[in-house]
């Protein structure tokens, strides 16, 4: 990476995470509340690490139901 390359995006909003998982925003918040999708809290903001989304997908084995 040189001085002109932007840093990779590490965190997304819950809305963006929901969109990337093709689920509703409210269901994404349910996953956060259940501890299934682990957030990072910065002040009042709730952000989802890209790595947490990838772990959820990798660990789901095709099943994301509660």
C-alpha atoms as a PDB file:
ATOM      1  CA  UNK A   1       0.000   0.000   0.000  1.00  0.00           C
ATOM      2  CA  UNK A   2       1.406   3.397  -0.919  1.00  0.00           C
ATOM      3  CA  UNK A   3       0.474   6.912   0.208  1.00  0.00           C
ATOM      4  CA  UNK A   4      -2.222   7.242  -2.463  1.00  0.00           C
ATOM      5  CA  UNK A   5      -4.103   4.008  -1.754  1.00  0.00           C
ATOM      6  CA  UNK A   6      -7.157   4.463   0.444  1.00  0.00           C
ATOM      7  CA  UNK A   7      -7.365   2.345   3.555  1.00  0.00           C
ATOM      8  CA  UNK A   8      -9.621  -0.682   3.207  1.00  0.00           C
ATOM      9  CA  UNK A   9     -13.021  -0.279   4.797  1.00  0.00           C
ATOM     10  CA  UNK A  10     -13.141  -2.245   8.056  1.00  0.00           C
ATOM     11  CA  UNK A  11     -16.521  -1.202   9.485  1.00  0.00           C
ATOM     12  CA  UNK A  12     -19.982  -0.690   8.016  1.00  0.00           C
ATOM     13  CA  UNK A  13     -23.241   0.571   9.454  1.00  0.00           C
ATOM     14  CA  UNK A  14     -25.913  -1.899  10.503  1.00  0.00           C
ATOM     15  CA  UNK A  15     -27.945  -0.788   7.471  1.00  0.00           C
ATOM     16  CA  UNK A  16     -25.029  -1.514   5.132  1.00  0.00           C
ATOM     17  CA  UNK A  17     -24.430  -4.871   6.817  1.00  0.00           C
ATOM     18  CA  UNK A  18     -28.113  -5.729   6.353  1.00  0.00           C
ATOM     19  CA  UNK A  19     -27.922  -4.802   2.684  1.00  0.00           C
ATOM     20  CA  UNK A  20     -24.811  -6.906   2.152  1.00  0.00           C
ATOM     21  CA  UNK A  21     -26.513  -9.889   3.842  1.00  0.00           C
ATOM     22  CA  UNK A  22     -29.762  -9.253   1.959  1.00  0.00           C
ATOM     23  CA  UNK A  23     -31.765  -9.062   5.206  1.00  0.00           C
ATOM     24  CA  UNK A  24     -33.884  -6.324   6.744  1.00  0.00           C
ATOM     25  CA  UNK A  25     -32.363  -3.637   8.933  1.00  0.00           C
ATOM     26  CA  UNK A  26     -34.520  -4.741  11.872  1.00  0.00           C
ATOM     27  CA  UNK A  27     -33.355  -8.357  11.512  1.00  0.00           C
ATOM     28  CA  UNK A  28     -29.742  -7.142  11.439  1.00  0.00           C
ATOM     29  CA  UNK A  29     -30.378  -5.364  14.759  1.00  0.00           C
ATOM     30  CA  UNK A  30     -31.922  -8.588  16.102  1.00  0.00           C
ATOM     31  CA  UNK A  31     -28.713 -10.425  15.167  1.00  0.00           C
ATOM     32  CA  UNK A  32     -26.710  -7.726  16.987  1.00  0.00           C
ATOM     33  CA  UNK A  33     -28.935  -7.972  20.089  1.00  0.00           C
ATOM     34  CA  UNK A  34     -28.615 -11.772  20.083  1.00  0.00           C
ATOM     35  CA  UNK A  35     -24.813 -11.550  19.877  1.00  0.00           C
ATOM     36  CA  UNK A  36     -24.784 -13.343  16.536  1.00  0.00           C
ATOM     37  CA  UNK A  37     -23.474 -10.301  14.670  1.00  0.00           C
ATOM     38  CA  UNK A  38     -20.913  -8.697  16.983  1.00  0.00           C
ATOM     39  CA  UNK A  39     -20.778  -4.883  16.690  1.00  0.00           C
ATOM     40  CA  UNK A  40     -18.201  -2.249  17.509  1.00  0.00           C
ATOM     41  CA  UNK A  41     -19.646   0.723  19.356  1.00  0.00           C
ATOM     42  CA  UNK A  42     -18.026   4.109  18.788  1.00  0.00           C
ATOM     43  CA  UNK A  43     -19.879   6.548  20.957  1.00  0.00           C
ATOM     44  CA  UNK A  44     -23.528   6.161  19.957  1.00  0.00           C
ATOM     45  CA  UNK A  45     -22.701   4.565  16.610  1.00  0.00           C
ATOM     46  CA  UNK A  46     -23.131   0.838  16.150  1.00  0.00           C
ATOM     47  CA  UNK A  47     -20.818  -0.436  13.437  1.00  0.00           C
ATOM     48  CA  UNK A  48     -20.275  -3.935  12.134  1.00  0.00           C
ATOM     49  CA  UNK A  49     -16.767  -5.144  11.281  1.00  0.00           C
ATOM     50  CA  UNK A  50     -16.511  -6.645   7.805  1.00  0.00           C
ATOM     51  CA  UNK A  51     -14.742  -9.570   9.504  1.00  0.00           C
ATOM     52  CA  UNK A  52     -17.852 -10.211  11.664  1.00  0.00           C
ATOM     53  CA  UNK A  53     -20.006 -10.413   8.525  1.00  0.00           C
ATOM     54  CA  UNK A  54     -17.533 -12.820   6.941  1.00  0.00           C
ATOM     55  CA  UNK A  55     -17.447 -14.953  10.126  1.00  0.00           C
ATOM     56  CA  UNK A  56     -21.240 -15.055  10.235  1.00  0.00           C
ATOM     57  CA  UNK A  57     -21.374 -16.266   6.651  1.00  0.00           C
ATOM     58  CA  UNK A  58     -18.543 -18.770   7.102  1.00  0.00           C
ATOM     59  CA  UNK A  59     -20.062 -20.175  10.279  1.00  0.00           C
ATOM     60  CA  UNK A  60     -23.633 -20.277   9.057  1.00  0.00           C
ATOM     61  CA  UNK A  61     -23.280 -23.393   6.888  1.00  0.00           C
ATOM     62  CA  UNK A  62     -26.265 -22.154   4.901  1.00  0.00           C
ATOM     63  CA  UNK A  63     -28.516 -21.480   7.894  1.00  0.00           C
ATOM     64  CA  UNK A  64     -28.979 -17.970   9.338  1.00  0.00           C
ATOM     65  CA  UNK A  65     -32.270 -18.578  11.158  1.00  0.00           C
ATOM     66  CA  UNK A  66     -32.724 -17.866  14.857  1.00  0.00           C
END
